C-alpha cells in the first residue's frame, strides 16, 4: 500500500508561486518545480503574478533611470 502524499494534492502557496514566477522570469526554473507548477498550480494565478512582477519591474527600472538622469543633471 502506497502512503498518501497530501503534498501532491495541495494547491501552491503564494510563496511557491512567487518563487516560480521569479525563477521563470530569470530563466532558472528547475524541471521539478515546473512539473509541480503544472500539476498543482492554476494558470490564472501565474498569469496575474507574472503581470504584477513585470509591472513592478518596469516601474522600478523607470524610477531608476529617472533618478540617474536627475543625478546627472539631464
PDB file of N, CA and C in Angstrom:
ATOM      1  N   UNK A   1       0.840  -1.179   0.000  1.00  0.00           N
ATOM      2  CA  UNK A   1       0.000   0.000   0.000  1.00  0.00           C
ATOM      3  C   UNK A   1       0.882   1.238   0.000  1.00  0.00           C
ATOM      4  N   UNK A   2       0.597   2.130  -0.907  1.00  0.00           N
ATOM      5  CA  UNK A   2       1.399   3.337  -1.052  1.00  0.00           C
ATOM      6  C   UNK A   2       0.854   4.429  -0.131  1.00  0.00           C
ATOM      7  N   UNK A   3       1.746   5.137   0.610  1.00  0.00           N
ATOM      8  CA  UNK A   3       1.263   6.181   1.512  1.00  0.00           C
ATOM      9  C   UNK A   3       0.697   7.353   0.721  1.00  0.00           C
ATOM     10  N   UNK A   4      -0.354   7.949   1.287  1.00  0.00           N
ATOM     11  CA  UNK A   4      -0.952   9.126   0.663  1.00  0.00           C
ATOM     12  C   UNK A   4       0.002  10.297   0.795  1.00  0.00           C
ATOM     13  N   UNK A   5       0.220  10.971  -0.302  1.00  0.00           N
ATOM     14  CA  UNK A   5       1.084  12.135  -0.293  1.00  0.00           C
ATOM     15  C   UNK A   5       0.200  13.368  -0.490  1.00  0.00           C
ATOM     16  N   UNK A   6      -0.189  13.984   0.625  1.00  0.00           N
ATOM     17  CA  UNK A   6      -1.066  15.151   0.557  1.00  0.00           C
ATOM     18  C   UNK A   6      -0.383  16.327  -0.119  1.00  0.00           C
ATOM     19  N   UNK A   7       0.932  16.314  -0.172  1.00  0.00           N
ATOM     20  CA  UNK A   7       1.682  17.398  -0.805  1.00  0.00           C
ATOM     21  C   UNK A   7       1.343  17.502  -2.289  1.00  0.00           C
ATOM     22  N   UNK A   8       1.015  16.379  -2.926  1.00  0.00           N
ATOM     23  CA  UNK A   8       0.694  16.385  -4.354  1.00  0.00           C
ATOM     24  C   UNK A   8      -0.681  16.982  -4.642  1.00  0.00           C
ATOM     25  N   UNK A   9      -1.555  17.007  -3.666  1.00  0.00           N
ATOM     26  CA  UNK A   9      -2.919  17.476  -3.885  1.00  0.00           C
ATOM     27  C   UNK A   9      -3.142  18.909  -3.430  1.00  0.00           C
ATOM     28  N   UNK A  10      -2.257  19.432  -2.593  1.00  0.00           N
ATOM     29  CA  UNK A  10      -2.450  20.784  -2.075  1.00  0.00           C
ATOM     30  C   UNK A  10      -2.161  21.811  -3.159  1.00  0.00           C
ATOM     31  N   UNK A  11      -2.962  22.888  -3.192  1.00  0.00           N
ATOM     32  CA  UNK A  11      -2.632  23.971  -4.135  1.00  0.00           C
ATOM     33  C   UNK A  11      -1.344  24.664  -3.700  1.00  0.00           C
ATOM     34  N   UNK A  12      -0.708  25.318  -4.647  1.00  0.00           N
ATOM     35  CA  UNK A  12       0.535  26.014  -4.349  1.00  0.00           C
ATOM     36  C   UNK A  12       0.287  27.183  -3.416  1.00  0.00           C
ATOM     37  N   UNK A  13       1.247  27.449  -2.541  1.00  0.00           N
ATOM     38  CA  UNK A  13       1.157  28.619  -1.677  1.00  0.00           C
ATOM     39  C   UNK A  13       1.588  29.844  -2.476  1.00  0.00           C
ATOM     40  N   UNK A  14       1.275  31.018  -1.956  1.00  0.00           N
ATOM     41  CA  UNK A  14       1.674  32.255  -2.620  1.00  0.00           C
ATOM     42  C   UNK A  14       3.192  32.317  -2.759  1.00  0.00           C
ATOM     43  N   UNK A  15       3.897  31.884  -1.735  1.00  0.00           N
ATOM     44  CA  UNK A  15       5.365  31.901  -1.763  1.00  0.00           C
ATOM     45  C   UNK A  15       5.910  30.998  -2.876  1.00  0.00           C
ATOM     46  N   UNK A  16       5.340  29.802  -3.005  1.00  0.00           N
ATOM     47  CA  UNK A  16       5.786  28.881  -4.055  1.00  0.00           C
ATOM     48  C   UNK A  16       5.516  29.460  -5.440  1.00  0.00           C
ATOM     49  N   UNK A  17       4.343  30.087  -5.602  1.00  0.00           N
ATOM     50  CA  UNK A  17       4.025  30.683  -6.900  1.00  0.00           C
ATOM     51  C   UNK A  17       4.950  31.857  -7.201  1.00  0.00           C
ATOM     52  N   UNK A  18       5.202  32.708  -6.208  1.00  0.00           N
ATOM     53  CA  UNK A  18       6.083  33.859  -6.412  1.00  0.00           C
ATOM     54  C   UNK A  18       7.495  33.400  -6.764  1.00  0.00           C
ATOM     55  N   UNK A  19       7.988  32.375  -6.089  1.00  0.00           N
ATOM     56  CA  UNK A  19       9.317  31.840  -6.404  1.00  0.00           C
ATOM     57  C   UNK A  19       9.354  31.296  -7.825  1.00  0.00           C
ATOM     58  N   UNK A  20       8.307  30.623  -8.241  1.00  0.00           N
ATOM     59  CA  UNK A  20       8.257  30.065  -9.590  1.00  0.00           C
ATOM     60  C   UNK A  20       8.241  31.169 -10.638  1.00  0.00           C
ATOM     61  N   UNK A  21       7.464  32.226 -10.390  1.00  0.00           N
ATOM     62  CA  UNK A  21       7.399  33.333 -11.340  1.00  0.00           C
ATOM     63  C   UNK A  21       8.753  34.033 -11.439  1.00  0.00           C
ATOM     64  N   UNK A  22       9.400  34.269 -10.310  1.00  0.00           N
ATOM     65  CA  UNK A  22      10.720  34.914 -10.336  1.00  0.00           C
ATOM     66  C   UNK A  22      11.757  34.031 -11.017  1.00  0.00           C
ATOM     67  N   UNK A  23      11.741  32.737 -10.717  1.00  0.00           N
ATOM     68  CA  UNK A  23      12.697  31.818 -11.343  1.00  0.00           C
ATOM     69  C   UNK A  23      12.465  31.746 -12.843  1.00  0.00           C
ATOM     70  N   UNK A  24      11.215  31.707 -13.254  1.00  0.00           N
ATOM     71  CA  UNK A  24      10.908  31.658 -14.685  1.00  0.00           C
ATOM     72  C   UNK A  24      11.304  32.959 -15.374  1.00  0.00           C
ATOM     73  N   UNK A  25      11.125  34.083 -14.697  1.00  0.00           N
ATOM     74  CA  UNK A  25      11.484  35.376 -15.282  1.00  0.00           C
ATOM     75  C   UNK A  25      12.989  35.464 -15.555  1.00  0.00           C
ATOM     76  N   UNK A  26      13.775  34.854 -14.687  1.00  0.00           N
ATOM     77  CA  UNK A  26      15.224  34.886 -14.868  1.00  0.00           C
ATOM     78  C   UNK A  26      15.751  33.653 -15.600  1.00  0.00           C
ATOM     79  N   UNK A  27      14.864  32.728 -15.961  1.00  0.00           N
ATOM     80  CA  UNK A  27      15.252  31.571 -16.756  1.00  0.00           C
ATOM     81  C   UNK A  27      15.968  30.487 -15.985  1.00  0.00           C
ATOM     82  N   UNK A  28      15.702  30.367 -14.694  1.00  0.00           N
ATOM     83  CA  UNK A  28      16.399  29.366 -13.886  1.00  0.00           C
ATOM     84  C   UNK A  28      15.437  28.393 -13.210  1.00  0.00           C
ATOM     85  N   UNK A  29      14.251  28.224 -13.769  1.00  0.00           N
ATOM     86  CA  UNK A  29      13.248  27.337 -13.183  1.00  0.00           C
ATOM     87  C   UNK A  29      13.687  25.884 -13.341  1.00  0.00           C
ATOM     88  N   UNK A  30      13.661  25.115 -12.266  1.00  0.00           N
ATOM     89  CA  UNK A  30      14.053  23.709 -12.333  1.00  0.00           C
ATOM     90  C   UNK A  30      12.911  22.880 -12.928  1.00  0.00           C
ATOM     91  N   UNK A  31      13.260  21.754 -13.502  1.00  0.00           N
ATOM     92  CA  UNK A  31      12.268  20.869 -14.089  1.00  0.00           C
ATOM     93  C   UNK A  31      11.305  20.328 -13.044  1.00  0.00           C
ATOM     94  N   UNK A  32      11.813  20.055 -11.850  1.00  0.00           N
ATOM     95  CA  UNK A  32      10.977  19.546 -10.771  1.00  0.00           C
ATOM     96  C   UNK A  32       9.913  20.578 -10.381  1.00  0.00           C
ATOM     97  N   UNK A  33      10.332  21.826 -10.230  1.00  0.00           N
ATOM     98  CA  UNK A  33       9.374  22.884  -9.867  1.00  0.00           C
ATOM     99  C   UNK A  33       8.406  23.175 -11.002  1.00  0.00           C
ATOM    100  N   UNK A  34       8.868  23.105 -12.226  1.00  0.00           N
ATOM    101  CA  UNK A  34       7.982  23.326 -13.373  1.00  0.00           C
ATOM    102  C   UNK A  34       6.900  22.254 -13.413  1.00  0.00           C
ATOM    103  N   UNK A  35       7.282  21.002 -13.172  1.00  0.00           N
ATOM    104  CA  UNK A  35       6.305  19.914 -13.132  1.00  0.00           C
ATOM    105  C   UNK A  35       5.314  20.122 -11.990  1.00  0.00           C
ATOM    106  N   UNK A  36       5.817  20.556 -10.840  1.00  0.00           N
ATOM    107  CA  UNK A  36       4.944  20.849  -9.699  1.00  0.00           C
ATOM    108  C   UNK A  36       3.947  21.953 -10.053  1.00  0.00           C
ATOM    109  N   UNK A  37       4.434  22.988 -10.721  1.00  0.00           N
ATOM    110  CA  UNK A  37       3.575  24.113 -11.095  1.00  0.00           C
ATOM    111  C   UNK A  37       2.456  23.673 -12.030  1.00  0.00           C
ATOM    112  N   UNK A  38       2.783  22.830 -13.001  1.00  0.00           N
ATOM    113  CA  UNK A  38       1.773  22.375 -13.962  1.00  0.00           C
ATOM    114  C   UNK A  38       0.767  21.433 -13.320  1.00  0.00           C
ATOM    115  N   UNK A  39       1.186  20.685 -12.312  1.00  0.00           N
ATOM    116  CA  UNK A  39       0.257  19.726 -11.710  1.00  0.00           C
ATOM    117  C   UNK A  39      -0.577  20.343 -10.592  1.00  0.00           C
ATOM    118  N   UNK A  40      -0.052  21.325  -9.874  1.00  0.00           N
ATOM    119  CA  UNK A  40      -0.779  21.871  -8.714  1.00  0.00           C
ATOM    120  C   UNK A  40      -1.195  23.325  -8.861  1.00  0.00           C
ATOM    121  N   UNK A  41      -0.631  24.050  -9.830  1.00  0.00           N
ATOM    122  CA  UNK A  41      -0.912  25.472  -9.946  1.00  0.00           C
ATOM    123  C   UNK A  41      -2.057  25.780 -10.892  1.00  0.00           C
ATOM    124  N   UNK A  42      -2.610  26.978 -10.730  1.00  0.00           N
ATOM    125  CA  UNK A  42      -3.660  27.450 -11.632  1.00  0.00           C
ATOM    126  C   UNK A  42      -3.054  28.480 -12.583  1.00  0.00           C
ATOM    127  N   UNK A  43      -3.300  28.346 -13.871  1.00  0.00           N
ATOM    128  CA  UNK A  43      -2.724  29.279 -14.839  1.00  0.00           C
ATOM    129  C   UNK A  43      -3.074  30.737 -14.550  1.00  0.00           C
ATOM    130  N   UNK A  44      -4.299  30.988 -14.104  1.00  0.00           N
ATOM    131  CA  UNK A  44      -4.709  32.373 -13.845  1.00  0.00           C
ATOM    132  C   UNK A  44      -3.862  33.018 -12.744  1.00  0.00           C
ATOM    133  N   UNK A  45      -3.470  32.233 -11.752  1.00  0.00           N
ATOM    134  CA  UNK A  45      -2.631  32.769 -10.687  1.00  0.00           C
ATOM    135  C   UNK A  45      -1.246  33.135 -11.216  1.00  0.00           C
ATOM    136  N   UNK A  46      -0.699  32.268 -12.059  1.00  0.00           N
ATOM    137  CA  UNK A  46       0.626  32.547 -12.614  1.00  0.00           C
ATOM    138  C   UNK A  46       0.584  33.734 -13.569  1.00  0.00           C
ATOM    139  N   UNK A  47      -0.486  33.857 -14.329  1.00  0.00           N
ATOM    140  CA  UNK A  47      -0.613  34.997 -15.243  1.00  0.00           C
ATOM    141  C   UNK A  47      -0.694  36.293 -14.454  1.00  0.00           C
ATOM    142  N   UNK A  48      -1.515  36.306 -13.400  1.00  0.00           N
ATOM    143  CA  UNK A  48      -1.656  37.508 -12.575  1.00  0.00           C
ATOM    144  C   UNK A  48      -0.332  37.880 -11.912  1.00  0.00           C
ATOM    145  N   UNK A  49       0.369  36.903 -11.352  1.00  0.00           N
ATOM    146  CA  UNK A  49       1.659  37.189 -10.723  1.00  0.00           C
ATOM    147  C   UNK A  49       2.690  37.628 -11.750  1.00  0.00           C
ATOM    148  N   UNK A  50       2.659  37.044 -12.932  1.00  0.00           N
ATOM    149  CA  UNK A  50       3.586  37.447 -13.988  1.00  0.00           C
ATOM    150  C   UNK A  50       3.362  38.883 -14.426  1.00  0.00           C
ATOM    151  N   UNK A  51       2.098  39.265 -14.591  1.00  0.00           N
ATOM    152  CA  UNK A  51       1.774  40.645 -14.969  1.00  0.00           C
ATOM    153  C   UNK A  51       2.190  41.600 -13.851  1.00  0.00           C
ATOM    154  N   UNK A  52       1.908  41.218 -12.602  1.00  0.00           N
ATOM    155  CA  UNK A  52       2.298  42.061 -11.458  1.00  0.00           C
ATOM    156  C   UNK A  52       3.817  42.214 -11.389  1.00  0.00           C
ATOM    157  N   UNK A  53       4.549  41.107 -11.510  1.00  0.00           N
ATOM    158  CA  UNK A  53       6.009  41.170 -11.463  1.00  0.00           C
ATOM    159  C   UNK A  53       6.560  42.047 -12.585  1.00  0.00           C
ATOM    160  N   UNK A  54       6.039  41.869 -13.791  1.00  0.00           N
ATOM    161  CA  UNK A  54       6.513  42.648 -14.931  1.00  0.00           C
ATOM    162  C   UNK A  54       6.230  44.134 -14.732  1.00  0.00           C
ATOM    163  N   UNK A  55       5.055  44.461 -14.213  1.00  0.00           N
ATOM    164  CA  UNK A  55       4.711  45.863 -13.957  1.00  0.00           C
ATOM    165  C   UNK A  55       5.638  46.485 -12.922  1.00  0.00           C
ATOM    166  N   UNK A  56       5.877  45.781 -11.833  1.00  0.00           N
ATOM    167  CA  UNK A  56       6.778  46.295 -10.792  1.00  0.00           C
ATOM    168  C   UNK A  56       8.190  46.433 -11.353  1.00  0.00           C
ATOM    169  N   UNK A  57       8.638  45.466 -12.128  1.00  0.00           N
ATOM    170  CA  UNK A  57       9.981  45.517 -12.718  1.00  0.00           C
ATOM    171  C   UNK A  57      10.138  46.739 -13.623  1.00  0.00           C
ATOM    172  N   UNK A  58       9.144  46.990 -14.468  1.00  0.00           N
ATOM    173  CA  UNK A  58       9.199  48.137 -15.377  1.00  0.00           C
ATOM    174  C   UNK A  58       9.177  49.440 -14.587  1.00  0.00           C
ATOM    175  N   UNK A  59       8.338  49.534 -13.566  1.00  0.00           N
ATOM    176  CA  UNK A  59       8.274  50.752 -12.754  1.00  0.00           C
ATOM    177  C   UNK A  59       9.575  51.008 -12.006  1.00  0.00           C
ATOM    178  N   UNK A  60      10.206  49.963 -11.500  1.00  0.00           N
ATOM    179  CA  UNK A  60      11.495  50.120 -10.810  1.00  0.00           C
ATOM    180  C   UNK A  60      12.560  50.582 -11.796  1.00  0.00           C
ATOM    181  N   UNK A  61      12.592  49.995 -12.982  1.00  0.00           N
ATOM    182  CA  UNK A  61      13.561  50.430 -13.987  1.00  0.00           C
ATOM    183  C   UNK A  61      13.326  51.886 -14.387  1.00  0.00           C
ATOM    184  N   UNK A  62      12.068  52.275 -14.571  1.00  0.00           N
ATOM    185  CA  UNK A  62      11.723  53.641 -14.926  1.00  0.00           C
ATOM    186  C   UNK A  62      12.190  54.615 -13.838  1.00  0.00           C
ATOM    187  N   UNK A  63      11.908  54.276 -12.583  1.00  0.00           N
ATOM    188  CA  UNK A  63      12.326  55.138 -11.472  1.00  0.00           C
ATOM    189  C   UNK A  63      13.844  55.219 -11.377  1.00  0.00           C
ATOM    190  N   UNK A  64      14.523  54.126 -11.608  1.00  0.00           N
ATOM    191  CA  UNK A  64      15.987  54.111 -11.547  1.00  0.00           C
ATOM    192  C   UNK A  64      16.595  54.986 -12.642  1.00  0.00           C
ATOM    193  N   UNK A  65      16.060  54.905 -13.842  1.00  0.00           N
ATOM    194  CA  UNK A  65      16.552  55.733 -14.953  1.00  0.00           C
ATOM    195  C   UNK A  65      16.294  57.202 -14.661  1.00  0.00           C
ATOM    196  N   UNK A  66      15.123  57.519 -14.145  1.00  0.00           N
ATOM    197  CA  UNK A  66      14.813  58.914 -13.801  1.00  0.00           C
ATOM    198  C   UNK A  66      15.760  59.435 -12.729  1.00  0.00           C
ATOM    199  N   UNK A  67      16.062  58.608 -11.739  1.00  0.00           N
ATOM    200  CA  UNK A  67      16.975  59.000 -10.671  1.00  0.00           C
ATOM    201  C   UNK A  67      18.375  59.250 -11.221  1.00  0.00           C
ATOM    202  N   UNK A  68      18.860  58.359 -12.064  1.00  0.00           N
ATOM    203  CA  UNK A  68      20.198  58.523 -12.650  1.00  0.00           C
ATOM    204  C   UNK A  68      20.243  59.790 -13.507  1.00  0.00           C
ATOM    205  N   UNK A  69      19.233  60.016 -14.317  1.00  0.00           N
ATOM    206  CA  UNK A  69      19.206  61.218 -15.141  1.00  0.00           C
ATOM    207  C   UNK A  69      19.137  62.481 -14.287  1.00  0.00           C
ATOM    208  N   UNK A  70      18.393  62.432 -13.214  1.00  0.00           N
ATOM    209  CA  UNK A  70      18.303  63.589 -12.316  1.00  0.00           C
ATOM    210  C   UNK A  70      19.649  63.869 -11.668  1.00  0.00           C
ATOM    211  N   UNK A  71      20.324  62.828 -11.210  1.00  0.00           N
ATOM    212  CA  UNK A  71      21.636  62.988 -10.572  1.00  0.00           C
ATOM    213  C   UNK A  71      22.700  63.452 -11.580  1.00  0.00           C
ATOM    214  N   UNK A  72      22.511  63.101 -12.846  1.00  0.00           N
ATOM    215  CA  UNK A  72      23.460  63.506 -13.875  1.00  0.00           C
ATOM    216  C   UNK A  72      23.177  64.926 -14.361  1.00  0.00           C
ATOM    217  N   UNK A  73      22.074  65.515 -13.930  1.00  0.00           N
ATOM    218  CA  UNK A  73      21.739  66.875 -14.310  1.00  0.00           C
ATOM    219  C   UNK A  73      21.106  67.002 -15.679  1.00  0.00           C
ATOM    220  N   UNK A  74      20.552  65.919 -16.188  1.00  0.00           N
ATOM    221  CA  UNK A  74      19.899  65.946 -17.508  1.00  0.00           C
ATOM    222  C   UNK A  74      18.445  66.253 -17.361  1.00  0.00           C
TER     223      UNK A  74
END
